[in-house]
N, C-alpha and C. Protein backbone atom coordinates (compact mmCIF):
# COMPACT_ATOMS: atom_id res chain seq x y z
N MET A 1 -11.07 27.69 0.86
CA MET A 1 -10.97 26.25 1.10
C MET A 1 -9.57 25.93 1.61
N ARG A 2 -9.49 25.08 2.63
CA ARG A 2 -8.20 24.73 3.21
C ARG A 2 -7.51 23.67 2.37
N GLU A 3 -6.19 23.71 2.43
CA GLU A 3 -5.36 22.72 1.74
C GLU A 3 -5.39 21.40 2.52
N PRO A 4 -5.43 20.27 1.83
CA PRO A 4 -5.35 19.00 2.57
C PRO A 4 -3.98 18.84 3.23
N VAL A 5 -3.96 18.18 4.37
CA VAL A 5 -2.73 17.97 5.11
C VAL A 5 -2.51 16.48 5.28
N LEU A 6 -1.31 16.02 4.96
CA LEU A 6 -0.96 14.63 5.17
C LEU A 6 -0.54 14.46 6.62
N ALA A 7 -1.36 13.75 7.40
CA ALA A 7 -1.11 13.62 8.83
C ALA A 7 -0.21 12.44 9.17
N ALA A 8 -0.25 11.37 8.38
CA ALA A 8 0.55 10.19 8.69
C ALA A 8 0.71 9.33 7.46
N ILE A 9 1.78 8.57 7.45
CA ILE A 9 2.00 7.57 6.41
C ILE A 9 2.11 6.23 7.12
N GLN A 10 1.25 5.31 6.75
CA GLN A 10 1.27 3.98 7.34
C GLN A 10 2.04 3.06 6.41
N VAL A 11 3.04 2.37 6.92
CA VAL A 11 3.89 1.51 6.10
C VAL A 11 3.81 0.09 6.62
N SER A 12 3.64 -0.85 5.71
CA SER A 12 3.64 -2.24 6.13
C SER A 12 4.08 -3.13 4.98
N LEU A 13 4.47 -4.31 5.31
CA LEU A 13 4.79 -5.31 4.31
C LEU A 13 3.53 -6.12 4.03
N PRO A 14 3.38 -6.67 2.82
CA PRO A 14 2.18 -7.48 2.54
C PRO A 14 2.07 -8.64 3.51
N LYS A 15 0.85 -8.94 3.88
CA LYS A 15 0.58 -10.06 4.78
C LYS A 15 -0.37 -11.02 4.07
N HIS A 16 -0.09 -12.31 4.20
CA HIS A 16 -0.86 -13.33 3.51
C HIS A 16 -1.77 -14.06 4.48
N PHE A 17 -3.01 -14.28 4.07
CA PHE A 17 -4.00 -14.96 4.88
C PHE A 17 -4.66 -16.06 4.06
N GLY A 18 -5.43 -16.90 4.71
CA GLY A 18 -6.21 -17.92 4.03
C GLY A 18 -5.49 -19.25 3.93
N GLN A 19 -6.23 -20.20 3.35
CA GLN A 19 -5.70 -21.56 3.24
C GLN A 19 -5.92 -22.07 1.82
N GLU A 20 -4.85 -22.56 1.22
CA GLU A 20 -4.91 -23.11 -0.14
C GLU A 20 -5.91 -24.27 -0.16
N GLY A 21 -6.78 -24.29 -1.16
CA GLY A 21 -7.74 -25.37 -1.34
C GLY A 21 -8.95 -25.30 -0.43
N ALA A 22 -9.16 -24.18 0.25
CA ALA A 22 -10.31 -24.05 1.15
C ALA A 22 -11.61 -24.09 0.35
N ALA A 23 -12.61 -24.76 0.89
CA ALA A 23 -13.91 -24.88 0.22
C ALA A 23 -14.65 -23.53 0.23
N ASP A 24 -14.60 -22.83 1.34
CA ASP A 24 -15.28 -21.54 1.45
C ASP A 24 -14.43 -20.47 0.78
N PRO A 25 -14.99 -19.72 -0.20
CA PRO A 25 -14.22 -18.67 -0.88
C PRO A 25 -13.62 -17.64 0.08
N MET A 26 -14.26 -17.41 1.23
CA MET A 26 -13.76 -16.43 2.20
C MET A 26 -12.50 -16.92 2.91
N ASP A 27 -12.23 -18.23 2.83
CA ASP A 27 -11.05 -18.79 3.48
C ASP A 27 -9.90 -19.04 2.52
N ARG A 28 -10.08 -18.71 1.24
CA ARG A 28 -9.03 -18.94 0.25
C ARG A 28 -7.92 -17.89 0.41
N PRO A 29 -6.74 -18.17 -0.12
CA PRO A 29 -5.60 -17.25 0.05
C PRO A 29 -5.88 -15.84 -0.47
N TRP A 30 -5.42 -14.86 0.28
CA TRP A 30 -5.49 -13.47 -0.13
C TRP A 30 -4.37 -12.69 0.56
N THR A 31 -4.02 -11.56 -0.01
CA THR A 31 -2.91 -10.75 0.48
C THR A 31 -3.38 -9.32 0.68
N THR A 32 -2.87 -8.69 1.72
CA THR A 32 -3.22 -7.29 1.98
C THR A 32 -2.02 -6.56 2.56
N GLY A 33 -2.00 -5.26 2.40
CA GLY A 33 -1.01 -4.40 3.03
C GLY A 33 -1.68 -3.57 4.11
N PHE A 34 -2.99 -3.76 4.29
CA PHE A 34 -3.76 -3.00 5.26
C PHE A 34 -4.12 -3.88 6.45
N TYR A 35 -3.39 -3.75 7.50
CA TYR A 35 -3.66 -4.46 8.75
C TYR A 35 -2.94 -3.74 9.86
N LYS A 36 -3.40 -3.88 11.04
CA LYS A 36 -2.75 -3.23 12.17
C LYS A 36 -2.17 -4.29 13.08
N GLU A 37 -0.96 -4.05 13.48
CA GLU A 37 -0.25 -4.96 14.36
C GLU A 37 0.72 -4.13 15.19
N PRO A 38 0.80 -4.33 16.48
CA PRO A 38 1.73 -3.53 17.28
C PRO A 38 3.17 -3.81 16.89
N VAL A 39 3.98 -2.75 16.92
CA VAL A 39 5.40 -2.90 16.62
C VAL A 39 6.12 -2.96 17.96
N ARG A 40 6.18 -4.16 18.50
CA ARG A 40 6.85 -4.37 19.79
C ARG A 40 7.17 -5.84 19.92
N GLY A 41 7.89 -6.16 20.94
CA GLY A 41 8.25 -7.55 21.15
C GLY A 41 9.37 -7.96 20.21
N LYS A 42 9.45 -9.24 19.93
CA LYS A 42 10.50 -9.76 19.05
C LYS A 42 10.18 -9.42 17.61
N ALA A 43 10.99 -8.60 17.02
CA ALA A 43 10.75 -8.18 15.63
C ALA A 43 11.53 -9.09 14.68
N ASP A 44 10.96 -9.33 13.54
CA ASP A 44 11.63 -10.09 12.49
C ASP A 44 12.72 -9.17 11.91
N ALA A 45 13.97 -9.59 12.02
CA ALA A 45 15.10 -8.75 11.61
C ALA A 45 15.02 -8.37 10.13
N ALA A 46 14.66 -9.29 9.26
CA ALA A 46 14.58 -8.99 7.82
C ALA A 46 13.48 -7.97 7.55
N ALA A 47 12.33 -8.13 8.20
CA ALA A 47 11.22 -7.18 8.01
C ALA A 47 11.60 -5.80 8.56
N ALA A 48 12.27 -5.77 9.70
CA ALA A 48 12.69 -4.49 10.29
C ALA A 48 13.67 -3.78 9.36
N ARG A 49 14.62 -4.53 8.78
CA ARG A 49 15.58 -3.94 7.84
C ARG A 49 14.87 -3.37 6.62
N GLU A 50 13.92 -4.12 6.09
CA GLU A 50 13.20 -3.68 4.89
C GLU A 50 12.37 -2.42 5.17
N LEU A 51 11.68 -2.40 6.30
CA LEU A 51 10.89 -1.22 6.65
C LEU A 51 11.78 -0.01 6.94
N ALA A 52 12.93 -0.23 7.56
CA ALA A 52 13.85 0.88 7.87
C ALA A 52 14.36 1.55 6.61
N ALA A 53 14.35 0.84 5.49
CA ALA A 53 14.86 1.39 4.23
C ALA A 53 13.83 2.25 3.48
N VAL A 54 12.60 2.33 3.99
CA VAL A 54 11.57 3.14 3.32
C VAL A 54 11.91 4.61 3.48
N PRO A 55 12.16 5.33 2.38
CA PRO A 55 12.64 6.71 2.47
C PRO A 55 11.67 7.68 3.15
N LEU A 56 10.37 7.46 3.05
CA LEU A 56 9.41 8.38 3.65
C LEU A 56 9.15 8.13 5.13
N LEU A 57 9.74 7.08 5.67
CA LEU A 57 9.56 6.75 7.07
C LEU A 57 10.31 7.78 7.93
N ALA A 58 9.70 8.17 9.02
CA ALA A 58 10.33 9.14 9.92
C ALA A 58 11.71 8.65 10.35
N GLU A 59 12.64 9.57 10.49
CA GLU A 59 14.01 9.21 10.87
C GLU A 59 14.06 8.43 12.18
N SER A 60 13.21 8.80 13.13
CA SER A 60 13.20 8.10 14.42
C SER A 60 12.80 6.64 14.24
N TRP A 61 11.83 6.37 13.35
CA TRP A 61 11.43 4.99 13.09
C TRP A 61 12.50 4.24 12.32
N GLN A 62 13.18 4.92 11.40
CA GLN A 62 14.28 4.28 10.68
C GLN A 62 15.35 3.83 11.67
N THR A 63 15.66 4.69 12.63
CA THR A 63 16.66 4.37 13.65
C THR A 63 16.20 3.20 14.51
N THR A 64 14.95 3.25 14.98
CA THR A 64 14.41 2.18 15.83
C THR A 64 14.42 0.85 15.10
N LEU A 65 13.95 0.83 13.85
CA LEU A 65 13.88 -0.42 13.10
C LEU A 65 15.27 -0.95 12.76
N THR A 66 16.22 -0.06 12.48
CA THR A 66 17.59 -0.48 12.22
C THR A 66 18.18 -1.14 13.46
N ARG A 67 17.92 -0.55 14.62
CA ARG A 67 18.40 -1.15 15.87
C ARG A 67 17.78 -2.52 16.10
N ARG A 68 16.48 -2.64 15.84
CA ARG A 68 15.81 -3.93 16.00
C ARG A 68 16.37 -4.96 15.02
N ALA A 69 16.67 -4.52 13.81
CA ALA A 69 17.22 -5.44 12.80
C ALA A 69 18.57 -5.98 13.24
N HIS A 70 19.32 -5.18 14.00
CA HIS A 70 20.64 -5.60 14.47
C HIS A 70 20.58 -6.11 15.91
N LYS A 71 19.36 -6.41 16.37
CA LYS A 71 19.15 -6.99 17.71
C LYS A 71 19.69 -6.12 18.84
N GLN A 72 19.67 -4.80 18.62
CA GLN A 72 20.09 -3.88 19.67
C GLN A 72 18.88 -3.49 20.51
N THR A 73 19.10 -3.13 21.75
CA THR A 73 18.02 -2.72 22.63
C THR A 73 17.44 -1.39 22.17
N VAL A 74 16.12 -1.31 22.21
CA VAL A 74 15.43 -0.08 21.85
C VAL A 74 14.71 0.43 23.09
N ASP A 75 15.02 1.66 23.49
CA ASP A 75 14.38 2.26 24.66
C ASP A 75 13.10 2.95 24.22
N SER A 76 11.96 2.42 24.62
CA SER A 76 10.66 2.97 24.21
C SER A 76 10.18 4.10 25.11
N ARG A 77 10.86 4.34 26.22
CA ARG A 77 10.39 5.37 27.16
C ARG A 77 10.21 6.74 26.52
N PRO A 78 11.18 7.26 25.74
CA PRO A 78 10.97 8.59 25.16
C PRO A 78 9.73 8.66 24.27
N ARG A 79 9.47 7.58 23.54
CA ARG A 79 8.31 7.56 22.65
C ARG A 79 7.01 7.48 23.46
N LEU A 80 7.04 6.75 24.57
CA LEU A 80 5.83 6.53 25.34
C LEU A 80 5.53 7.64 26.33
N THR A 81 6.55 8.28 26.86
CA THR A 81 6.35 9.30 27.88
C THR A 81 6.66 10.71 27.40
N GLY A 82 7.24 10.84 26.25
CA GLY A 82 7.61 12.16 25.76
C GLY A 82 9.00 12.53 26.24
N GLU A 83 9.54 13.58 25.67
CA GLU A 83 10.91 13.97 26.01
C GLU A 83 11.05 14.49 27.43
N ASN A 84 9.93 14.95 28.01
CA ASN A 84 9.99 15.53 29.36
C ASN A 84 9.79 14.49 30.45
N GLY A 85 9.62 13.21 30.04
CA GLY A 85 9.47 12.14 31.03
C GLY A 85 8.10 12.14 31.58
């Protein structure tokens, strides 16, 4: 039997949905850490700082998020095209 392999760690901050006082139970407030959202565009500096501090996050992501937290330019080309261009 093969050993299980951890292929990825997904990290996110809790996200809140719903509306207080909603009549429909499906529309009432709820919180989740499971959602997908692209990490691009204008990043929230506080959220980027908090995510960059996660010890299990890859070093490259820690660097990228730290740069975003300090409003520095992040070059996405190496990530998108690979090191060989």
